[in-house]
Amino acid sequence: MGAALNLTHGPLKVNTQRTESERNQQEGVMHLCIGLMRAIRNPASHEPALDWVITREDALDLLSLISYLFRQIDRAVCFKLGTEGERG
């Protein structure tokens, strides 16, 4: 997530990044994606002894966040990176 949405080197751009607000949005989406992957994953698969209880409300909130992030990624523009890291 960090590599794909990185402000300077990532190939996925959610906006033109011309303004500070757009750069903030790009970084925010990147950090939300990273946080989602770190905090909300399949804990039972990673730690079988862990009893991870989630409420219905939390599950619905997480699905809403995932839906929002998928829409951002779906609308993102992908820049093909050249051999030396330049966008091409």
N, C-alpha and C. Protein backbone atom coordinates (compact mmCIF):
# COMPACT_ATOMS: atom_id res chain seq x y z
N MET A 1 0.83 -1.19 0.00
CA MET A 1 0.00 0.00 0.00
C MET A 1 0.87 1.25 0.00
N GLY A 2 1.89 1.23 0.83
CA GLY A 2 2.78 2.39 0.90
C GLY A 2 3.53 2.62 -0.39
N ALA A 3 4.00 1.55 -1.00
CA ALA A 3 4.75 1.68 -2.24
C ALA A 3 3.85 2.09 -3.40
N ALA A 4 2.64 1.56 -3.45
CA ALA A 4 1.73 1.85 -4.56
C ALA A 4 1.18 3.27 -4.51
N LEU A 5 0.95 3.79 -3.31
CA LEU A 5 0.30 5.09 -3.16
C LEU A 5 1.26 6.18 -2.69
N ASN A 6 2.55 5.87 -2.62
CA ASN A 6 3.54 6.85 -2.17
C ASN A 6 3.43 8.14 -2.95
N LEU A 7 3.49 9.26 -2.24
CA LEU A 7 3.30 10.57 -2.85
C LEU A 7 4.28 10.85 -3.98
N THR A 8 5.53 10.49 -3.81
CA THR A 8 6.52 10.83 -4.83
C THR A 8 6.88 9.68 -5.76
N HIS A 9 6.87 8.45 -5.27
CA HIS A 9 7.35 7.33 -6.09
C HIS A 9 6.29 6.30 -6.44
N GLY A 10 5.09 6.43 -5.86
CA GLY A 10 4.06 5.43 -6.11
C GLY A 10 3.39 5.60 -7.45
N PRO A 11 3.04 4.51 -8.11
CA PRO A 11 2.41 4.60 -9.43
C PRO A 11 0.92 4.96 -9.39
N LEU A 12 0.24 4.79 -8.25
CA LEU A 12 -1.19 5.10 -8.17
C LEU A 12 -1.40 6.50 -7.62
N LYS A 13 -2.13 7.32 -8.38
CA LYS A 13 -2.41 8.69 -7.97
C LYS A 13 -3.92 8.90 -7.93
N VAL A 14 -4.44 9.35 -6.78
CA VAL A 14 -5.88 9.55 -6.64
C VAL A 14 -6.32 10.93 -7.11
N ASN A 15 -5.37 11.80 -7.42
CA ASN A 15 -5.67 13.14 -7.93
C ASN A 15 -4.43 13.71 -8.62
N THR A 16 -4.48 14.97 -9.01
CA THR A 16 -3.37 15.57 -9.75
C THR A 16 -2.20 15.96 -8.87
N GLN A 17 -2.41 16.06 -7.58
CA GLN A 17 -1.38 16.43 -6.61
C GLN A 17 -0.79 17.81 -6.87
N ARG A 18 -1.60 18.70 -7.42
CA ARG A 18 -1.13 20.05 -7.71
C ARG A 18 -1.20 20.97 -6.51
N THR A 19 -2.08 20.66 -5.57
CA THR A 19 -2.23 21.53 -4.41
C THR A 19 -1.86 20.76 -3.14
N GLU A 20 -1.66 21.50 -2.08
CA GLU A 20 -1.35 20.86 -0.80
C GLU A 20 -2.50 19.95 -0.36
N SER A 21 -3.73 20.40 -0.59
CA SER A 21 -4.89 19.58 -0.22
C SER A 21 -4.91 18.27 -0.98
N GLU A 22 -4.59 18.30 -2.28
CA GLU A 22 -4.55 17.07 -3.07
C GLU A 22 -3.43 16.15 -2.60
N ARG A 23 -2.29 16.71 -2.26
CA ARG A 23 -1.19 15.89 -1.75
C ARG A 23 -1.58 15.28 -0.39
N ASN A 24 -2.26 16.07 0.43
CA ASN A 24 -2.74 15.55 1.71
C ASN A 24 -3.73 14.41 1.51
N GLN A 25 -4.62 14.56 0.52
CA GLN A 25 -5.58 13.49 0.23
C GLN A 25 -4.86 12.22 -0.19
N GLN A 26 -3.86 12.35 -1.06
CA GLN A 26 -3.09 11.19 -1.52
C GLN A 26 -2.45 10.48 -0.33
N GLU A 27 -1.79 11.25 0.52
CA GLU A 27 -1.14 10.65 1.69
C GLU A 27 -2.17 10.05 2.65
N GLY A 28 -3.31 10.72 2.81
CA GLY A 28 -4.35 10.21 3.69
C GLY A 28 -4.89 8.88 3.23
N VAL A 29 -5.16 8.76 1.93
CA VAL A 29 -5.65 7.49 1.38
C VAL A 29 -4.59 6.41 1.58
N MET A 30 -3.32 6.77 1.34
CA MET A 30 -2.23 5.81 1.53
C MET A 30 -2.20 5.32 2.98
N HIS A 31 -2.26 6.25 3.93
CA HIS A 31 -2.19 5.87 5.34
C HIS A 31 -3.42 5.09 5.78
N LEU A 32 -4.60 5.42 5.27
CA LEU A 32 -5.79 4.64 5.59
C LEU A 32 -5.66 3.20 5.08
N CYS A 33 -5.14 3.05 3.88
CA CYS A 33 -4.93 1.70 3.32
C CYS A 33 -3.92 0.92 4.16
N ILE A 34 -2.83 1.58 4.51
CA ILE A 34 -1.82 0.92 5.35
C ILE A 34 -2.42 0.54 6.70
N GLY A 35 -3.16 1.47 7.30
CA GLY A 35 -3.78 1.20 8.60
C GLY A 35 -4.78 0.06 8.54
N LEU A 36 -5.55 0.03 7.47
CA LEU A 36 -6.52 -1.04 7.30
C LEU A 36 -5.82 -2.40 7.23
N MET A 37 -4.74 -2.45 6.48
CA MET A 37 -4.01 -3.71 6.34
C MET A 37 -3.34 -4.12 7.65
N ARG A 38 -2.90 -3.16 8.42
CA ARG A 38 -2.21 -3.48 9.67
C ARG A 38 -3.19 -3.79 10.81
N ALA A 39 -4.27 -3.03 10.89
CA ALA A 39 -5.18 -3.17 12.03
C ALA A 39 -6.31 -4.15 11.78
N ILE A 40 -6.81 -4.17 10.57
CA ILE A 40 -7.97 -5.01 10.27
C ILE A 40 -7.56 -6.00 9.19
N ARG A 41 -7.18 -7.14 9.61
CA ARG A 41 -6.79 -8.20 8.70
C ARG A 41 -7.48 -9.45 9.18
N ASN A 42 -6.99 -10.59 8.84
CA ASN A 42 -7.58 -11.83 9.30
C ASN A 42 -6.77 -12.34 10.49
N PRO A 43 -7.07 -11.84 11.71
CA PRO A 43 -6.24 -12.21 12.86
C PRO A 43 -6.26 -13.70 13.16
N ALA A 44 -7.36 -14.36 12.94
CA ALA A 44 -7.42 -15.80 13.23
C ALA A 44 -6.45 -16.57 12.34
N SER A 45 -6.25 -16.10 11.13
CA SER A 45 -5.32 -16.76 10.22
C SER A 45 -3.87 -16.51 10.64
N HIS A 46 -3.61 -15.33 11.17
CA HIS A 46 -2.23 -14.99 11.55
C HIS A 46 -1.87 -15.49 12.94
N GLU A 47 -2.84 -15.51 13.83
CA GLU A 47 -2.62 -15.96 15.19
C GLU A 47 -3.81 -16.82 15.61
N PRO A 48 -3.75 -18.13 15.35
CA PRO A 48 -4.90 -19.00 15.58
C PRO A 48 -5.43 -18.96 17.02
N ALA A 49 -4.59 -18.68 18.00
CA ALA A 49 -5.05 -18.67 19.39
C ALA A 49 -5.80 -17.39 19.75
N LEU A 50 -5.77 -16.40 18.87
CA LEU A 50 -6.40 -15.12 19.15
C LEU A 50 -7.91 -15.20 18.95
N ASP A 51 -8.65 -14.77 19.94
CA ASP A 51 -10.11 -14.73 19.84
C ASP A 51 -10.49 -13.29 19.51
N TRP A 52 -10.73 -13.00 18.25
CA TRP A 52 -10.99 -11.63 17.78
C TRP A 52 -12.49 -11.44 17.65
N VAL A 53 -13.07 -10.71 18.58
CA VAL A 53 -14.50 -10.47 18.57
C VAL A 53 -14.76 -9.14 17.87
N ILE A 54 -15.72 -9.15 16.95
CA ILE A 54 -16.08 -7.92 16.24
C ILE A 54 -17.60 -7.79 16.28
N THR A 55 -18.05 -6.59 16.60
CA THR A 55 -19.49 -6.36 16.65
C THR A 55 -20.04 -6.15 15.24
N ARG A 56 -21.32 -6.26 15.12
CA ARG A 56 -21.98 -6.01 13.83
C ARG A 56 -21.71 -4.59 13.36
N GLU A 57 -21.80 -3.63 14.29
CA GLU A 57 -21.58 -2.23 13.94
C GLU A 57 -20.15 -1.99 13.46
N ASP A 58 -19.18 -2.60 14.15
CA ASP A 58 -17.78 -2.46 13.71
C ASP A 58 -17.56 -3.08 12.34
N ALA A 59 -18.18 -4.24 12.11
CA ALA A 59 -18.05 -4.90 10.81
C ALA A 59 -18.63 -4.02 9.70
N LEU A 60 -19.78 -3.41 9.94
CA LEU A 60 -20.38 -2.53 8.94
C LEU A 60 -19.53 -1.28 8.70
N ASP A 61 -18.97 -0.72 9.76
CA ASP A 61 -18.09 0.44 9.62
C ASP A 61 -16.85 0.08 8.80
N LEU A 62 -16.29 -1.08 9.07
CA LEU A 62 -15.10 -1.51 8.32
C LEU A 62 -15.44 -1.74 6.85
N LEU A 63 -16.58 -2.33 6.58
CA LEU A 63 -16.99 -2.53 5.19
C LEU A 63 -17.19 -1.20 4.48
N SER A 64 -17.70 -0.20 5.19
CA SER A 64 -17.85 1.14 4.60
C SER A 64 -16.49 1.74 4.28
N LEU A 65 -15.53 1.60 5.20
CA LEU A 65 -14.18 2.11 4.95
C LEU A 65 -13.55 1.39 3.76
N ILE A 66 -13.68 0.10 3.71
CA ILE A 66 -13.14 -0.66 2.59
C ILE A 66 -13.78 -0.22 1.28
N SER A 67 -15.08 -0.01 1.28
CA SER A 67 -15.78 0.45 0.09
C SER A 67 -15.25 1.80 -0.37
N TYR A 68 -15.07 2.72 0.56
CA TYR A 68 -14.53 4.05 0.23
C TYR A 68 -13.14 3.93 -0.39
N LEU A 69 -12.28 3.14 0.24
CA LEU A 69 -10.91 3.00 -0.27
C LEU A 69 -10.89 2.33 -1.64
N PHE A 70 -11.75 1.34 -1.84
CA PHE A 70 -11.82 0.70 -3.17
C PHE A 70 -12.24 1.70 -4.24
N ARG A 71 -13.19 2.58 -3.91
CA ARG A 71 -13.61 3.60 -4.88
C ARG A 71 -12.45 4.54 -5.20
N GLN A 72 -11.68 4.92 -4.20
CA GLN A 72 -10.53 5.80 -4.43
C GLN A 72 -9.51 5.12 -5.34
N ILE A 73 -9.23 3.87 -5.06
CA ILE A 73 -8.25 3.12 -5.87
C ILE A 73 -8.80 2.88 -7.27
N ASP A 74 -10.09 2.59 -7.38
CA ASP A 74 -10.71 2.34 -8.68
C ASP A 74 -10.62 3.57 -9.59
N ARG A 75 -10.73 4.76 -9.00
CA ARG A 75 -10.66 6.00 -9.78
C ARG A 75 -9.22 6.50 -9.97
N ALA A 76 -8.28 5.89 -9.28
CA ALA A 76 -6.89 6.34 -9.35
C ALA A 76 -6.32 6.13 -10.75
N VAL A 77 -5.35 6.96 -11.07
CA VAL A 77 -4.62 6.83 -12.33
C VAL A 77 -3.32 6.10 -12.02
N CYS A 78 -3.01 5.12 -12.84
CA CYS A 78 -1.78 4.35 -12.64
C CYS A 78 -0.74 4.81 -13.65
N PHE A 79 0.40 5.26 -13.13
CA PHE A 79 1.51 5.66 -13.98
C PHE A 79 2.48 4.51 -14.07
N LYS A 80 2.81 4.12 -15.27
CA LYS A 80 3.78 3.06 -15.47
C LYS A 80 5.15 3.61 -15.14
N LEU A 81 5.87 2.93 -14.26
CA LEU A 81 7.20 3.39 -13.87
C LEU A 81 8.23 2.88 -14.85
N GLY A 82 9.15 3.76 -15.23
CA GLY A 82 10.24 3.39 -16.13
C GLY A 82 11.30 2.60 -15.40
N THR A 83 12.35 2.26 -16.08
CA THR A 83 13.40 1.44 -15.50
C THR A 83 14.16 2.16 -14.39
N GLU A 84 14.20 3.47 -14.44
CA GLU A 84 14.92 4.23 -13.42
C GLU A 84 13.97 4.90 -12.44
N GLY A 85 12.69 4.48 -12.40
CA GLY A 85 11.73 5.02 -11.46
C GLY A 85 10.96 6.22 -11.98
N GLU A 86 11.23 6.68 -13.21
CA GLU A 86 10.46 7.79 -13.74
C GLU A 86 9.13 7.28 -14.24
N ARG A 87 8.13 8.13 -14.18
CA ARG A 87 6.83 7.76 -14.72
C ARG A 87 6.88 7.88 -16.23
N GLY A 88 6.33 6.91 -16.90
CA GLY A 88 6.35 6.95 -18.35
C GLY A 88 5.08 6.50 -18.96
